[in-house]
Amino acid sequence: MTEHFYKCTDKVLSELGNMHASGGEFTKNIDASAGEGTAVFVKEAIQAYCG
């Protein structure tokens, strides 16, 4: 993201993780393409990475 769109700080990445698992379209699309629970897994992985 930083290279093509905007600077992706840990805070920005963390918020994106929250959006992925918020239950909206992000969650539905991610889970539909990668399997049920993937969005929550990604959120948790981002939280672990960002601390």
C-alpha atoms as a PDB file:
ATOM      1  CA  MET A   1       0.000   0.000   0.000  1.00  0.00           C
ATOM      2  CA  THR A   2       2.766   2.415   0.887  1.00  0.00           C
ATOM      3  CA  GLU A   3       4.372   2.011  -2.532  1.00  0.00           C
ATOM      4  CA  HIS A   4       1.202   2.540  -4.571  1.00  0.00           C
ATOM      5  CA  PHE A   5      -1.412   4.346  -2.475  1.00  0.00           C
ATOM      6  CA  TYR A   6      -0.513   5.890   0.892  1.00  0.00           C
ATOM      7  CA  LYS A   7       1.843   5.451   3.818  1.00  0.00           C
ATOM      8  CA  CYS A   8       0.617   2.415   5.722  1.00  0.00           C
ATOM      9  CA  THR A   9       1.601   2.968   9.337  1.00  0.00           C
ATOM     10  CA  ASP A  10       0.901   0.399  12.042  1.00  0.00           C
ATOM     11  CA  LYS A  11      -2.122   2.472  13.068  1.00  0.00           C
ATOM     12  CA  VAL A  12      -3.524   2.473   9.528  1.00  0.00           C
ATOM     13  CA  LEU A  13      -2.855  -1.253   9.170  1.00  0.00           C
ATOM     14  CA  SER A  14      -4.552  -1.930  12.497  1.00  0.00           C
ATOM     15  CA  GLU A  15      -7.648   0.005  11.430  1.00  0.00           C
ATOM     16  CA  LEU A  16      -7.753  -1.911   8.159  1.00  0.00           C
ATOM     17  CA  GLY A  17      -7.679  -5.120  10.175  1.00  0.00           C
ATOM     18  CA  ASN A  18     -10.620  -3.888  12.217  1.00  0.00           C
ATOM     19  CA  MET A  19     -12.527  -3.087   9.036  1.00  0.00           C
ATOM     20  CA  HIS A  20     -11.843  -6.571   7.662  1.00  0.00           C
ATOM     21  CA  ALA A  21     -13.616  -8.181  10.619  1.00  0.00           C
ATOM     22  CA  SER A  22     -16.314  -5.575  11.255  1.00  0.00           C
ATOM     23  CA  GLY A  23     -19.047  -7.749   9.787  1.00  0.00           C
ATOM     24  CA  GLY A  24     -19.668  -5.631   6.713  1.00  0.00           C
ATOM     25  CA  GLU A  25     -18.837  -6.148   3.065  1.00  0.00           C
ATOM     26  CA  PHE A  26     -15.105  -6.554   3.782  1.00  0.00           C
ATOM     27  CA  THR A  27     -15.841  -9.511   6.040  1.00  0.00           C
ATOM     28  CA  LYS A  28     -18.299 -11.103   3.622  1.00  0.00           C
ATOM     29  CA  ASN A  29     -15.971 -10.749   0.630  1.00  0.00           C
ATOM     30  CA  ILE A  30     -12.861 -12.007   2.405  1.00  0.00           C
ATOM     31  CA  ASP A  31     -14.641 -14.967   3.965  1.00  0.00           C
ATOM     32  CA  ALA A  32     -16.361 -15.790   0.661  1.00  0.00           C
ATOM     33  CA  SER A  33     -13.068 -15.941  -1.215  1.00  0.00           C
ATOM     34  CA  ALA A  34     -10.787 -17.423   1.442  1.00  0.00           C
ATOM     35  CA  GLY A  35     -13.086 -19.342   3.787  1.00  0.00           C
ATOM     36  CA  GLU A  36     -15.251 -18.629   6.799  1.00  0.00           C
ATOM     37  CA  GLY A  37     -13.287 -16.963   9.596  1.00  0.00           C
ATOM     38  CA  THR A  38     -10.484 -15.622   7.417  1.00  0.00           C
ATOM     39  CA  ALA A  39     -11.379 -11.984   8.049  1.00  0.00           C
ATOM     40  CA  VAL A  40     -11.165 -12.446  11.816  1.00  0.00           C
ATOM     41  CA  PHE A  41      -7.909 -14.377  11.429  1.00  0.00           C
ATOM     42  CA  VAL A  42      -6.431 -11.530   9.361  1.00  0.00           C
ATOM     43  CA  LYS A  43      -7.520  -8.993  11.976  1.00  0.00           C
ATOM     44  CA  GLU A  44      -5.894 -11.024  14.744  1.00  0.00           C
ATOM     45  CA  ALA A  45      -2.713 -11.494  12.718  1.00  0.00           C
ATOM     46  CA  ILE A  46      -2.490  -7.751  12.083  1.00  0.00           C
ATOM     47  CA  GLN A  47      -3.025  -7.041  15.792  1.00  0.00           C
ATOM     48  CA  ALA A  48      -0.223  -9.462  16.660  1.00  0.00           C
ATOM     49  CA  TYR A  49       2.073  -7.800  14.100  1.00  0.00           C
ATOM     50  CA  CYS A  50       1.282  -4.236  15.162  1.00  0.00           C
ATOM     51  CA  GLY A  51       1.423  -5.017  18.864  1.00  0.00           C
END
